[in-house]
């Protein structure tokens, strides 16, 4: 409903209704396409969140641009 908001669900387990696999390849591709002006919200296991944080830093995103909710 909002032109500046994109929800992209990705599940590591099989589900025919959403993207399958690990989230890293999906956000990397999306963020390359839109450039550096984004806010990223990630929810998942601690290891996935840590790897995502490292990847986002390498891509040039700063701490004010990404947010995490861990559930383990």
N, C-alpha and C. Protein backbone atom coordinates (compact mmCIF):
# COMPACT_ATOMS: atom_id res chain seq x y z
N UNK A 1 0.79 -1.20 0.00
CA UNK A 1 0.00 0.00 0.00
C UNK A 1 0.84 1.27 0.00
N UNK A 2 2.11 1.16 0.35
CA UNK A 2 2.97 2.33 0.42
C UNK A 2 4.10 2.19 -0.59
N UNK A 3 4.34 3.19 -1.40
CA UNK A 3 5.37 3.08 -2.43
C UNK A 3 6.79 2.95 -1.88
N UNK A 4 7.02 3.38 -0.65
CA UNK A 4 8.37 3.33 -0.08
C UNK A 4 8.52 2.19 0.94
N UNK A 5 7.61 1.22 0.93
CA UNK A 5 7.69 0.08 1.85
C UNK A 5 7.56 -1.21 1.06
N UNK A 6 8.52 -2.12 1.28
CA UNK A 6 8.49 -3.41 0.59
C UNK A 6 8.70 -4.52 1.61
N UNK A 7 7.73 -5.42 1.70
CA UNK A 7 7.81 -6.56 2.60
C UNK A 7 8.16 -7.78 1.76
N UNK A 8 9.30 -8.42 2.09
CA UNK A 8 9.76 -9.58 1.34
C UNK A 8 9.98 -10.74 2.31
N UNK A 9 8.98 -11.59 2.49
CA UNK A 9 9.17 -12.74 3.39
C UNK A 9 10.06 -13.79 2.72
N UNK A 10 10.98 -14.33 3.52
CA UNK A 10 11.87 -15.40 3.04
C UNK A 10 11.95 -16.44 4.14
N UNK A 11 11.66 -17.67 3.80
CA UNK A 11 11.71 -18.76 4.76
C UNK A 11 12.78 -19.77 4.35
N UNK A 12 13.53 -20.28 5.31
CA UNK A 12 14.54 -21.27 4.99
C UNK A 12 13.93 -22.65 4.79
N UNK A 13 12.73 -22.86 5.30
CA UNK A 13 12.04 -24.13 5.13
C UNK A 13 11.08 -24.04 3.95
N UNK A 14 10.72 -25.18 3.41
CA UNK A 14 9.87 -25.20 2.22
C UNK A 14 8.49 -24.61 2.50
N UNK A 15 8.07 -23.72 1.61
CA UNK A 15 6.75 -23.12 1.65
C UNK A 15 6.50 -22.55 0.26
N UNK A 16 5.45 -22.97 -0.38
CA UNK A 16 5.23 -22.57 -1.77
C UNK A 16 4.69 -21.15 -1.91
N UNK A 17 4.35 -20.49 -0.82
CA UNK A 17 3.73 -19.17 -0.92
C UNK A 17 4.70 -17.99 -0.80
N UNK A 18 5.95 -18.25 -0.40
CA UNK A 18 6.92 -17.16 -0.25
C UNK A 18 8.26 -17.58 -0.82
N UNK A 19 9.22 -16.66 -0.80
CA UNK A 19 10.58 -16.96 -1.23
C UNK A 19 11.20 -18.00 -0.32
N UNK A 20 12.00 -18.87 -0.90
CA UNK A 20 12.64 -19.93 -0.13
C UNK A 20 14.15 -19.78 -0.16
N UNK A 21 14.80 -20.13 0.93
CA UNK A 21 16.25 -20.10 1.01
C UNK A 21 16.70 -19.22 2.15
N UNK A 22 17.92 -18.73 2.03
CA UNK A 22 18.46 -17.85 3.06
C UNK A 22 18.25 -16.40 2.64
N UNK A 23 17.95 -15.58 3.59
CA UNK A 23 17.53 -14.20 3.35
C UNK A 23 18.64 -13.34 2.72
N UNK A 24 19.89 -13.70 2.94
CA UNK A 24 21.02 -12.87 2.51
C UNK A 24 21.01 -12.59 1.00
N UNK A 25 20.76 -13.59 0.20
CA UNK A 25 20.76 -13.36 -1.25
C UNK A 25 19.63 -12.44 -1.68
N UNK A 26 18.52 -12.49 -0.98
CA UNK A 26 17.37 -11.65 -1.33
C UNK A 26 17.61 -10.19 -0.99
N UNK A 27 18.04 -9.90 0.25
CA UNK A 27 18.23 -8.49 0.60
C UNK A 27 19.41 -7.88 -0.16
N UNK A 28 20.44 -8.67 -0.41
CA UNK A 28 21.59 -8.13 -1.14
C UNK A 28 21.17 -7.68 -2.54
N UNK A 29 20.37 -8.48 -3.20
CA UNK A 29 19.91 -8.15 -4.54
C UNK A 29 19.00 -6.91 -4.52
N UNK A 30 18.06 -6.88 -3.59
CA UNK A 30 17.12 -5.76 -3.49
C UNK A 30 17.87 -4.47 -3.16
N UNK A 31 18.78 -4.53 -2.20
CA UNK A 31 19.50 -3.32 -1.78
C UNK A 31 20.43 -2.80 -2.85
N UNK A 32 21.01 -3.69 -3.65
CA UNK A 32 21.83 -3.24 -4.77
C UNK A 32 20.98 -2.43 -5.76
N UNK A 33 19.75 -2.87 -5.97
CA UNK A 33 18.87 -2.21 -6.93
C UNK A 33 18.38 -0.84 -6.47
N UNK A 34 18.19 -0.67 -5.15
CA UNK A 34 17.61 0.59 -4.68
C UNK A 34 18.65 1.58 -4.16
N UNK A 35 19.87 1.18 -4.01
CA UNK A 35 20.90 2.10 -3.53
C UNK A 35 20.94 2.16 -2.01
N UNK A 36 21.64 3.13 -1.47
CA UNK A 36 21.91 3.19 -0.04
C UNK A 36 20.89 3.87 0.84
N UNK A 37 19.78 4.32 0.29
CA UNK A 37 18.79 5.02 1.10
C UNK A 37 17.66 4.07 1.47
N UNK A 38 17.91 3.22 2.46
CA UNK A 38 16.90 2.23 2.88
C UNK A 38 16.95 2.04 4.38
N UNK A 39 15.86 1.56 4.92
CA UNK A 39 15.79 1.12 6.32
C UNK A 39 15.45 -0.36 6.25
N UNK A 40 16.21 -1.18 6.97
CA UNK A 40 16.06 -2.61 6.89
C UNK A 40 15.64 -3.15 8.25
N UNK A 41 14.55 -3.92 8.27
CA UNK A 41 14.05 -4.54 9.49
C UNK A 41 14.17 -6.04 9.32
N UNK A 42 14.89 -6.69 10.25
CA UNK A 42 15.16 -8.12 10.15
C UNK A 42 14.73 -8.81 11.44
N UNK A 43 14.06 -9.93 11.29
CA UNK A 43 13.63 -10.72 12.44
C UNK A 43 14.07 -12.16 12.23
N UNK A 44 14.71 -12.74 13.25
CA UNK A 44 15.14 -14.13 13.11
C UNK A 44 16.11 -14.54 14.20
N UNK A 45 16.76 -15.66 13.93
CA UNK A 45 17.73 -16.22 14.88
C UNK A 45 18.95 -15.32 14.99
N UNK A 46 19.63 -15.40 16.13
CA UNK A 46 20.79 -14.57 16.43
C UNK A 46 21.87 -14.67 15.34
N UNK A 47 22.21 -15.88 14.92
CA UNK A 47 23.27 -16.06 13.92
C UNK A 47 22.92 -15.39 12.60
N UNK A 48 21.67 -15.51 12.18
CA UNK A 48 21.24 -14.89 10.93
C UNK A 48 21.30 -13.37 11.07
N UNK A 49 20.86 -12.84 12.21
CA UNK A 49 20.90 -11.39 12.43
C UNK A 49 22.34 -10.88 12.46
N UNK A 50 23.24 -11.62 13.09
CA UNK A 50 24.66 -11.21 13.14
C UNK A 50 25.28 -11.20 11.76
N UNK A 51 25.00 -12.22 10.97
CA UNK A 51 25.54 -12.27 9.61
C UNK A 51 24.96 -11.14 8.76
N UNK A 52 23.68 -10.87 8.93
CA UNK A 52 23.05 -9.78 8.19
C UNK A 52 23.67 -8.45 8.58
N UNK A 53 23.90 -8.23 9.86
CA UNK A 53 24.52 -6.98 10.33
C UNK A 53 25.89 -6.80 9.68
N UNK A 54 26.69 -7.85 9.67
CA UNK A 54 28.02 -7.77 9.05
C UNK A 54 27.92 -7.46 7.56
N UNK A 55 27.00 -8.11 6.89
CA UNK A 55 26.82 -7.88 5.44
C UNK A 55 26.38 -6.46 5.16
N UNK A 56 25.43 -5.96 5.96
CA UNK A 56 24.94 -4.59 5.74
C UNK A 56 26.04 -3.56 5.97
N UNK A 57 26.88 -3.78 6.97
CA UNK A 57 28.01 -2.88 7.20
C UNK A 57 28.94 -2.87 6.00
N UNK A 58 29.22 -4.05 5.46
CA UNK A 58 30.09 -4.15 4.28
C UNK A 58 29.47 -3.48 3.06
N UNK A 59 28.14 -3.46 3.02
CA UNK A 59 27.45 -2.82 1.90
C UNK A 59 27.35 -1.31 2.08
N UNK A 60 27.82 -0.80 3.23
CA UNK A 60 27.83 0.65 3.46
C UNK A 60 26.67 1.18 4.29
N UNK A 61 25.86 0.31 4.84
CA UNK A 61 24.74 0.75 5.68
C UNK A 61 25.24 0.99 7.10
N UNK A 62 24.66 2.00 7.75
CA UNK A 62 25.08 2.29 9.12
C UNK A 62 24.00 1.83 10.11
N UNK A 63 24.32 1.86 11.38
CA UNK A 63 23.47 1.32 12.44
C UNK A 63 22.08 1.98 12.50
N UNK A 64 21.96 3.15 12.04
CA UNK A 64 20.65 3.83 12.04
C UNK A 64 19.75 3.36 10.90
N UNK A 65 20.29 2.57 10.00
CA UNK A 65 19.52 2.11 8.85
C UNK A 65 18.98 0.68 8.99
N UNK A 66 19.43 -0.06 9.98
CA UNK A 66 18.94 -1.43 10.14
C UNK A 66 18.54 -1.71 11.57
N UNK A 67 17.53 -2.57 11.69
CA UNK A 67 16.90 -2.88 12.99
C UNK A 67 16.67 -4.38 13.06
N UNK A 68 16.88 -4.94 14.24
CA UNK A 68 16.77 -6.39 14.41
C UNK A 68 15.85 -6.77 15.56
N UNK A 69 15.17 -7.86 15.36
CA UNK A 69 14.42 -8.50 16.45
C UNK A 69 14.84 -9.98 16.43
N UNK A 70 15.52 -10.37 17.48
CA UNK A 70 15.98 -11.76 17.59
C UNK A 70 15.02 -12.55 18.47
N UNK A 71 14.85 -13.81 18.13
CA UNK A 71 13.92 -14.61 18.93
C UNK A 71 14.52 -15.94 19.36
N UNK A 72 15.79 -15.98 19.67
CA UNK A 72 16.35 -17.21 20.24
C UNK A 72 17.09 -16.91 21.53
